[in-house]
C-alpha cells in the first residue's frame, strides 16, 4: 500500500471525524436549548400552581361569605371526577370507548 492511499484514508477519516464533531456540537446546542425551555416551563407551572392555590383560597372565602360550603362542592366534584375516570378505565378494559353509546343516544333523541 502506498503513502498516497494512506493519506487519502487519513483525510477521509479526518473529514468524517470533523462532520461527527459538528453533529455533536449541534446536538449539544439542542440539548442546552431544551433544558432552558424545560426550566422556563417548570417556572411557569410553579407560578400557575401558586396562582391557582391563591384563586382557590379566594373562591372558598367568597363561597363561605355567601353561605356556600365550598369544601363540599370540591368533594362532590372530586367524587364525580373519580367516577368518570373509573368509567373510562372500565371502557378501555372492555375495548369500548363509550363513543358509540353517545352517538346512539343522540340518534335516538333525533328520531
N, C-alpha and C. Protein backbone atom coordinates (compact mmCIF):
# COMPACT_ATOMS: atom_id res chain seq x y z
N UNK A 1 0.85 -1.16 0.00
CA UNK A 1 0.00 0.00 0.00
C UNK A 1 0.91 1.23 0.00
N UNK A 2 0.58 2.19 -0.87
CA UNK A 2 1.41 3.37 -0.99
C UNK A 2 1.02 4.45 0.01
N UNK A 3 1.89 5.42 0.11
CA UNK A 3 1.62 6.54 1.02
C UNK A 3 0.45 7.38 0.56
N UNK A 4 0.21 7.40 -0.75
CA UNK A 4 -0.91 8.19 -1.29
C UNK A 4 -2.25 7.66 -0.82
N UNK A 5 -2.42 6.35 -0.85
CA UNK A 5 -3.70 5.78 -0.42
C UNK A 5 -3.87 5.91 1.09
N UNK A 6 -2.80 5.82 1.83
CA UNK A 6 -2.85 6.01 3.28
C UNK A 6 -3.24 7.45 3.61
N UNK A 7 -2.69 8.39 2.88
CA UNK A 7 -3.02 9.80 3.09
C UNK A 7 -4.49 10.05 2.79
N UNK A 8 -5.02 9.43 1.73
CA UNK A 8 -6.43 9.58 1.37
C UNK A 8 -7.32 9.02 2.47
N UNK A 9 -6.94 7.87 3.01
CA UNK A 9 -7.73 7.26 4.08
C UNK A 9 -7.71 8.14 5.33
N UNK A 10 -6.55 8.67 5.65
CA UNK A 10 -6.44 9.55 6.81
C UNK A 10 -7.27 10.81 6.59
N UNK A 11 -7.24 11.34 5.39
CA UNK A 11 -8.03 12.54 5.06
C UNK A 11 -9.52 12.22 5.18
N UNK A 12 -9.91 11.07 4.68
CA UNK A 12 -11.32 10.67 4.75
C UNK A 12 -11.76 10.51 6.21
N UNK A 13 -10.94 9.87 7.01
CA UNK A 13 -11.26 9.72 8.44
C UNK A 13 -11.33 11.07 9.14
N UNK A 14 -10.43 11.96 8.77
CA UNK A 14 -10.41 13.29 9.35
C UNK A 14 -11.69 14.05 9.01
N UNK A 15 -12.15 13.93 7.78
CA UNK A 15 -13.38 14.60 7.36
C UNK A 15 -14.60 14.03 8.08
N UNK A 16 -14.63 12.71 8.22
CA UNK A 16 -15.73 12.07 8.95
C UNK A 16 -15.74 12.51 10.41
N UNK A 17 -14.57 12.55 11.01
CA UNK A 17 -14.47 12.97 12.41
C UNK A 17 -14.94 14.42 12.57
N UNK A 18 -14.58 15.26 11.63
CA UNK A 18 -14.99 16.67 11.69
C UNK A 18 -16.51 16.79 11.54
N UNK A 19 -17.09 16.02 10.62
CA UNK A 19 -18.54 16.04 10.44
C UNK A 19 -19.25 15.54 11.69
N UNK A 20 -18.73 14.48 12.29
CA UNK A 20 -19.34 13.96 13.52
C UNK A 20 -19.21 14.97 14.66
N UNK A 21 -18.08 15.66 14.73
CA UNK A 21 -17.88 16.67 15.76
C UNK A 21 -18.91 17.79 15.60
N UNK A 22 -19.17 18.20 14.36
CA UNK A 22 -20.17 19.25 14.12
C UNK A 22 -21.56 18.78 14.52
N UNK A 23 -21.87 17.51 14.24
CA UNK A 23 -23.16 16.97 14.65
C UNK A 23 -23.29 16.94 16.17
N UNK A 24 -22.23 16.56 16.84
CA UNK A 24 -22.24 16.53 18.31
C UNK A 24 -22.45 17.94 18.86
N UNK A 25 -21.81 18.92 18.24
CA UNK A 25 -22.00 20.31 18.69
C UNK A 25 -23.45 20.75 18.50
N UNK A 26 -24.05 20.40 17.36
CA UNK A 26 -25.45 20.75 17.12
C UNK A 26 -26.35 20.09 18.16
N UNK A 27 -26.10 18.82 18.44
CA UNK A 27 -26.90 18.11 19.44
C UNK A 27 -26.74 18.75 20.82
N UNK A 28 -25.53 19.13 21.13
CA UNK A 28 -25.27 19.76 22.42
C UNK A 28 -26.05 21.08 22.53
N UNK A 29 -26.07 21.86 21.46
CA UNK A 29 -26.84 23.12 21.46
C UNK A 29 -28.33 22.85 21.62
N UNK A 30 -28.82 21.81 20.93
CA UNK A 30 -30.24 21.48 21.04
C UNK A 30 -30.58 21.04 22.46
N UNK A 31 -29.71 20.25 23.06
CA UNK A 31 -29.95 19.78 24.44
C UNK A 31 -29.98 20.97 25.40
N UNK A 32 -29.04 21.88 25.24
CA UNK A 32 -29.00 23.05 26.11
C UNK A 32 -30.27 23.88 25.93
N UNK A 33 -30.70 24.04 24.68
CA UNK A 33 -31.93 24.78 24.41
C UNK A 33 -33.13 24.10 25.06
N UNK A 34 -33.21 22.78 24.94
CA UNK A 34 -34.32 22.04 25.55
C UNK A 34 -34.30 22.16 27.07
N UNK A 35 -33.11 22.12 27.66
CA UNK A 35 -33.00 22.28 29.11
C UNK A 35 -33.49 23.66 29.54
N UNK A 36 -33.15 24.69 28.77
CA UNK A 36 -33.60 26.04 29.10
C UNK A 36 -35.12 26.14 28.99
N UNK A 37 -35.69 25.55 27.91
CA UNK A 37 -37.14 25.56 27.76
C UNK A 37 -37.81 24.80 28.89
N UNK A 38 -37.22 23.68 29.30
CA UNK A 38 -37.77 22.89 30.39
C UNK A 38 -37.77 23.70 31.69
N UNK A 39 -36.68 24.42 31.94
CA UNK A 39 -36.61 25.25 33.14
C UNK A 39 -37.67 26.34 33.11
N UNK A 40 -37.85 26.96 31.94
CA UNK A 40 -38.87 28.00 31.80
C UNK A 40 -40.26 27.42 32.03
N UNK A 41 -40.51 26.25 31.47
CA UNK A 41 -41.81 25.60 31.64
C UNK A 41 -42.03 25.25 33.11
N UNK A 42 -41.00 24.76 33.77
CA UNK A 42 -41.10 24.42 35.19
C UNK A 42 -41.45 25.66 36.00
N UNK A 43 -40.78 26.77 35.72
CA UNK A 43 -41.07 28.02 36.43
C UNK A 43 -42.51 28.47 36.18
N UNK A 44 -42.96 28.34 34.92
CA UNK A 44 -44.32 28.75 34.57
C UNK A 44 -45.34 27.88 35.31
N UNK A 45 -45.11 26.58 35.35
CA UNK A 45 -46.02 25.67 36.05
C UNK A 45 -46.07 26.00 37.53
N UNK A 46 -44.92 26.25 38.13
CA UNK A 46 -44.90 26.61 39.55
C UNK A 46 -45.66 27.90 39.81
N UNK A 47 -45.46 28.88 38.92
CA UNK A 47 -46.17 30.16 39.07
C UNK A 47 -47.68 29.96 38.94
N UNK A 48 -48.09 29.16 37.95
CA UNK A 48 -49.52 28.91 37.74
C UNK A 48 -50.11 28.13 38.91
N UNK A 49 -49.36 27.19 39.45
CA UNK A 49 -49.82 26.42 40.60
C UNK A 49 -50.04 27.33 41.80
N UNK A 50 -49.12 28.26 42.01
CA UNK A 50 -49.26 29.22 43.11
C UNK A 50 -50.49 30.10 42.89
N UNK A 51 -50.68 30.57 41.66
CA UNK A 51 -51.84 31.41 41.37
C UNK A 51 -53.14 30.63 41.56
N UNK A 52 -53.14 29.36 41.15
CA UNK A 52 -54.32 28.53 41.30
C UNK A 52 -54.66 28.33 42.78
N UNK A 53 -53.65 28.14 43.59
CA UNK A 53 -53.86 27.98 45.03
C UNK A 53 -54.46 29.26 45.61
N UNK A 54 -53.94 30.41 45.18
CA UNK A 54 -54.49 31.69 45.66
C UNK A 54 -55.95 31.86 45.23
N UNK A 55 -56.23 31.50 43.97
CA UNK A 55 -57.60 31.64 43.47
C UNK A 55 -58.56 30.70 44.20
N UNK A 56 -58.10 29.50 44.48
CA UNK A 56 -58.94 28.56 45.22
C UNK A 56 -59.27 29.10 46.60
N UNK A 57 -58.27 29.63 47.28
CA UNK A 57 -58.49 30.20 48.62
C UNK A 57 -59.47 31.37 48.53
N UNK A 58 -59.32 32.19 47.50
CA UNK A 58 -60.22 33.33 47.32
C UNK A 58 -61.65 32.87 47.06
N UNK A 59 -61.80 31.88 46.18
CA UNK A 59 -63.14 31.37 45.88
C UNK A 59 -63.79 30.71 47.10
N UNK A 60 -63.00 29.99 47.89
CA UNK A 60 -63.55 29.38 49.10
C UNK A 60 -63.99 30.45 50.09
N UNK A 61 -63.22 31.53 50.18
CA UNK A 61 -63.59 32.64 51.08
C UNK A 61 -64.88 33.30 50.60
N UNK A 62 -65.00 33.50 49.29
CA UNK A 62 -66.22 34.11 48.74
C UNK A 62 -67.41 33.18 48.97
N UNK A 63 -67.20 31.87 48.74
CA UNK A 63 -68.28 30.90 48.95
C UNK A 63 -68.73 30.92 50.40
N UNK A 64 -67.78 30.95 51.32
CA UNK A 64 -68.13 30.97 52.74
C UNK A 64 -68.91 32.24 53.08
N UNK A 65 -68.48 33.36 52.50
CA UNK A 65 -69.17 34.62 52.73
C UNK A 65 -70.62 34.57 52.23
N UNK A 66 -70.84 33.81 51.17
CA UNK A 66 -72.18 33.68 50.59
C UNK A 66 -72.98 32.55 51.23
N UNK A 67 -72.38 31.86 52.20
CA UNK A 67 -73.08 30.79 52.89
C UNK A 67 -73.07 29.47 52.12
N UNK A 68 -72.10 29.32 51.23
CA UNK A 68 -71.99 28.10 50.44
C UNK A 68 -70.83 27.28 50.99
N UNK A 69 -71.04 25.96 51.08
CA UNK A 69 -69.99 25.07 51.57
C UNK A 69 -69.07 24.70 50.40
N UNK A 70 -68.03 25.47 50.22
CA UNK A 70 -67.10 25.27 49.11
C UNK A 70 -66.37 23.94 49.20
N UNK A 71 -66.03 23.52 50.39
CA UNK A 71 -65.33 22.24 50.57
C UNK A 71 -66.21 21.07 50.13
N UNK A 72 -67.51 21.16 50.40
CA UNK A 72 -68.43 20.10 49.98
C UNK A 72 -68.53 20.06 48.46
N UNK A 73 -68.57 21.23 47.84
CA UNK A 73 -68.62 21.29 46.38
C UNK A 73 -67.37 20.65 45.79
N UNK A 74 -66.21 20.96 46.36
CA UNK A 74 -64.96 20.36 45.87
C UNK A 74 -64.94 18.85 46.08
N UNK A 75 -65.46 18.39 47.21
CA UNK A 75 -65.51 16.96 47.47
C UNK A 75 -66.42 16.26 46.47
N UNK A 76 -67.59 16.86 46.20
CA UNK A 76 -68.51 16.28 45.21
C UNK A 76 -67.88 16.23 43.83
N UNK A 77 -67.17 17.29 43.47
CA UNK A 77 -66.50 17.32 42.16
C UNK A 77 -65.42 16.25 42.07
N UNK A 78 -64.70 16.04 43.16
CA UNK A 78 -63.66 15.00 43.16
C UNK A 78 -64.26 13.62 43.01
N UNK A 79 -65.40 13.40 43.65
CA UNK A 79 -66.09 12.11 43.54
C UNK A 79 -66.56 11.90 42.10
N UNK A 80 -67.17 12.94 41.51
CA UNK A 80 -67.64 12.84 40.12
C UNK A 80 -66.48 12.55 39.18
N UNK A 81 -65.36 13.21 39.39
CA UNK A 81 -64.19 13.01 38.53
C UNK A 81 -63.66 11.58 38.67
N UNK A 82 -63.61 11.08 39.90
CA UNK A 82 -63.15 9.72 40.12
C UNK A 82 -64.08 8.70 39.46
N UNK A 83 -65.37 8.96 39.51
CA UNK A 83 -66.32 8.06 38.86
C UNK A 83 -66.13 8.08 37.35
N UNK A 84 -65.91 9.26 36.78
CA UNK A 84 -65.68 9.35 35.34
C UNK A 84 -64.41 8.62 34.93
N UNK A 85 -63.35 8.76 35.73
CA UNK A 85 -62.11 8.06 35.44
C UNK A 85 -62.30 6.56 35.56
N UNK A 86 -63.08 6.13 36.52
CA UNK A 86 -63.37 4.71 36.69
C UNK A 86 -64.15 4.17 35.50
N UNK A 87 -65.13 4.93 35.02
CA UNK A 87 -65.89 4.52 33.84
C UNK A 87 -64.98 4.46 32.62
N UNK A 88 -64.09 5.41 32.47
CA UNK A 88 -63.18 5.44 31.32
C UNK A 88 -62.24 4.24 31.35
N UNK A 89 -61.75 3.88 32.52
CA UNK A 89 -60.84 2.73 32.60
C UNK A 89 -61.59 1.43 32.36
N UNK A 90 -62.84 1.34 32.78
CA UNK A 90 -63.64 0.15 32.50
C UNK A 90 -63.90 0.01 31.01
N UNK A 91 -64.19 1.14 30.34
CA UNK A 91 -64.41 1.12 28.89
C UNK A 91 -63.15 0.67 28.17
N UNK A 92 -62.02 1.13 28.60
CA UNK A 92 -60.75 0.76 27.98
C UNK A 92 -60.49 -0.72 28.17
N UNK A 93 -60.80 -1.26 29.34
CA UNK A 93 -60.60 -2.68 29.60
C UNK A 93 -61.52 -3.53 28.73
N UNK A 94 -62.73 -3.03 28.46
CA UNK A 94 -63.68 -3.75 27.61
C UNK A 94 -63.31 -3.65 26.13
N UNK A 95 -62.50 -2.66 25.80
CA UNK A 95 -62.18 -2.43 24.41
C UNK A 95 -63.14 -1.45 23.76
N UNK A 96 -64.08 -0.93 24.55
CA UNK A 96 -65.02 0.05 24.03
C UNK A 96 -64.57 1.43 24.45
N UNK A 97 -65.06 2.42 23.72
CA UNK A 97 -64.65 3.78 24.04
C UNK A 97 -65.78 4.61 24.61
N UNK A 98 -66.99 4.12 24.52
CA UNK A 98 -68.12 4.89 25.02
C UNK A 98 -68.66 5.83 23.97
N UNK A 99 -67.98 5.97 22.84
CA UNK A 99 -68.42 6.90 21.80
C UNK A 99 -69.68 6.39 21.11
N UNK A 100 -69.79 5.10 20.91
CA UNK A 100 -70.93 4.56 20.19
C UNK A 100 -72.21 4.80 20.99
N UNK A 101 -72.15 4.69 22.31
CA UNK A 101 -73.35 4.92 23.11
C UNK A 101 -73.74 6.38 23.07
N UNK A 102 -72.78 7.28 22.98
CA UNK A 102 -73.10 8.70 22.88
C UNK A 102 -73.80 9.00 21.56
N UNK A 103 -73.31 8.43 20.47
CA UNK A 103 -73.92 8.70 19.17
C UNK A 103 -75.27 8.01 19.08
N UNK A 104 -75.39 6.81 19.67
CA UNK A 104 -76.67 6.13 19.66
C UNK A 104 -77.71 6.93 20.44
N UNK A 105 -77.32 7.50 21.54
CA UNK A 105 -78.23 8.30 22.35
C UNK A 105 -78.68 9.53 21.59
N UNK A 106 -77.75 10.19 20.86
CA UNK A 106 -78.14 11.39 20.13
C UNK A 106 -78.98 11.01 18.92
N UNK A 107 -78.73 9.83 18.32
CA UNK A 107 -79.57 9.38 17.22
C UNK A 107 -80.98 9.10 17.70
N UNK A 108 -81.11 8.52 18.88
CA UNK A 108 -82.42 8.19 19.43
C UNK A 108 -83.19 9.46 19.74
N UNK A 109 -82.53 10.49 20.22
CA UNK A 109 -83.23 11.74 20.53
C UNK A 109 -83.58 12.49 19.27
N UNK A 110 -82.80 12.31 18.21
CA UNK A 110 -83.08 13.00 16.94
C UNK A 110 -84.32 12.43 16.29
N UNK A 111 -84.57 11.14 16.50
CA UNK A 111 -85.74 10.50 15.89
C UNK A 111 -86.96 10.91 16.66
